[in-house]
Protein backbone atom coordinates (compact mmCIF):
# COMPACT_ATOMS: atom_id res chain seq x y z
CA UNK A 1 -21.35 -16.57 -53.76
CA UNK A 2 -17.63 -16.73 -54.50
CA UNK A 3 -17.67 -20.51 -54.77
CA UNK A 4 -20.58 -20.37 -57.23
CA UNK A 5 -18.68 -17.89 -59.39
CA UNK A 6 -15.59 -20.12 -59.33
CA UNK A 7 -17.70 -23.12 -60.29
CA UNK A 8 -19.24 -21.24 -63.23
CA UNK A 9 -15.81 -20.12 -64.47
CA UNK A 10 -14.44 -23.65 -64.05
CA UNK A 11 -17.36 -25.07 -66.08
CA UNK A 12 -16.88 -22.41 -68.76
CA UNK A 13 -13.17 -23.21 -68.96
CA UNK A 14 -14.01 -26.89 -69.39
CA UNK A 15 -16.51 -26.03 -72.12
CA UNK A 16 -13.87 -23.97 -73.95
CA UNK A 17 -11.33 -26.77 -73.75
CA UNK A 18 -14.00 -29.25 -74.80
CA UNK A 19 -14.88 -27.11 -77.81
CA UNK A 20 -11.24 -26.97 -78.89
CA UNK A 21 -10.82 -30.74 -78.51
CA UNK A 22 -14.08 -31.46 -80.33
CA UNK A 23 -13.00 -29.22 -83.22
CA UNK A 24 -10.23 -31.77 -83.86
CA UNK A 25 -12.32 -34.88 -83.15
CA UNK A 26 -15.47 -33.79 -84.99
CA UNK A 27 -14.61 -30.82 -87.23
CA UNK A 28 -18.10 -30.52 -88.70
CA UNK A 29 -19.61 -30.20 -85.25
CA UNK A 30 -22.88 -31.98 -85.99
CA UNK A 31 -22.92 -34.10 -82.84
CA UNK A 32 -24.78 -33.16 -79.62
CA UNK A 33 -21.65 -32.56 -77.53
CA UNK A 34 -20.19 -30.11 -80.04
CA UNK A 35 -23.52 -28.29 -80.23
CA UNK A 36 -23.63 -27.99 -76.44
CA UNK A 37 -20.09 -26.59 -76.27
CA UNK A 38 -20.93 -24.19 -79.11
CA UNK A 39 -24.02 -22.87 -77.33
CA UNK A 40 -22.13 -22.35 -74.08
CA UNK A 41 -19.02 -20.67 -75.52
CA UNK A 42 -20.15 -18.78 -78.61
CA UNK A 43 -21.65 -15.78 -76.72
CA UNK A 44 -18.11 -15.06 -75.45
CA UNK A 45 -16.07 -16.21 -78.45
CA UNK A 46 -18.11 -14.38 -81.09
CA UNK A 47 -17.33 -10.83 -79.91
CA UNK A 48 -13.68 -11.72 -79.26
CA UNK A 49 -13.35 -13.15 -82.77
CA UNK A 50 -14.50 -9.83 -84.28
CA UNK A 51 -11.56 -8.01 -82.70
CA UNK A 52 -8.86 -10.56 -83.54
CA UNK A 53 -7.07 -10.48 -86.89
CA UNK A 54 -7.92 -13.26 -89.35
CA UNK A 55 -5.34 -16.03 -88.90
CA UNK A 56 -6.80 -18.46 -91.42
CA UNK A 57 -7.48 -21.92 -90.05
CA UNK A 58 -6.26 -21.12 -86.52
CA UNK A 59 -8.84 -19.67 -84.14
CA UNK A 60 -7.16 -17.87 -81.26
CA UNK A 61 -10.38 -16.71 -79.62
CA UNK A 62 -10.61 -19.64 -77.12
CA UNK A 63 -7.12 -18.84 -75.80
CA UNK A 64 -7.96 -15.15 -75.50
CA UNK A 65 -11.27 -15.99 -73.79
CA UNK A 66 -9.54 -18.24 -71.25
CA UNK A 67 -7.09 -15.48 -70.37
CA UNK A 68 -9.58 -12.61 -70.29
CA UNK A 69 -12.34 -14.42 -68.38
CA UNK A 70 -9.92 -15.73 -65.78
CA UNK A 71 -8.26 -12.31 -65.36
CA UNK A 72 -11.60 -10.58 -64.91
CA UNK A 73 -12.84 -13.14 -62.39
CA UNK A 74 -9.53 -13.06 -60.52
CA UNK A 75 -9.73 -9.27 -60.20
CA UNK A 76 -13.37 -9.49 -59.17
CA UNK A 77 -12.62 -12.06 -56.48
CA UNK A 78 -9.85 -9.88 -55.09
CA UNK A 79 -12.31 -7.03 -54.67
CA UNK A 80 -14.85 -9.24 -52.94
């Protein structure tokens, strides 16, 4: 169970990093890889983005998501 949770978090972290990289490579996001990363990460990034102040062209929500998701999972794994 713990290894499955770690694998899911690892895959989510890769998807977040992939989304950030693809935003530089393909800013319009109309390729299949960008769409996949968007579908995986947007359910987490959307609510975070609503709470963050508007910083213009810089989106800080992936960085916040990486920190928050990993902190939550780390605390959860310590309890288990």
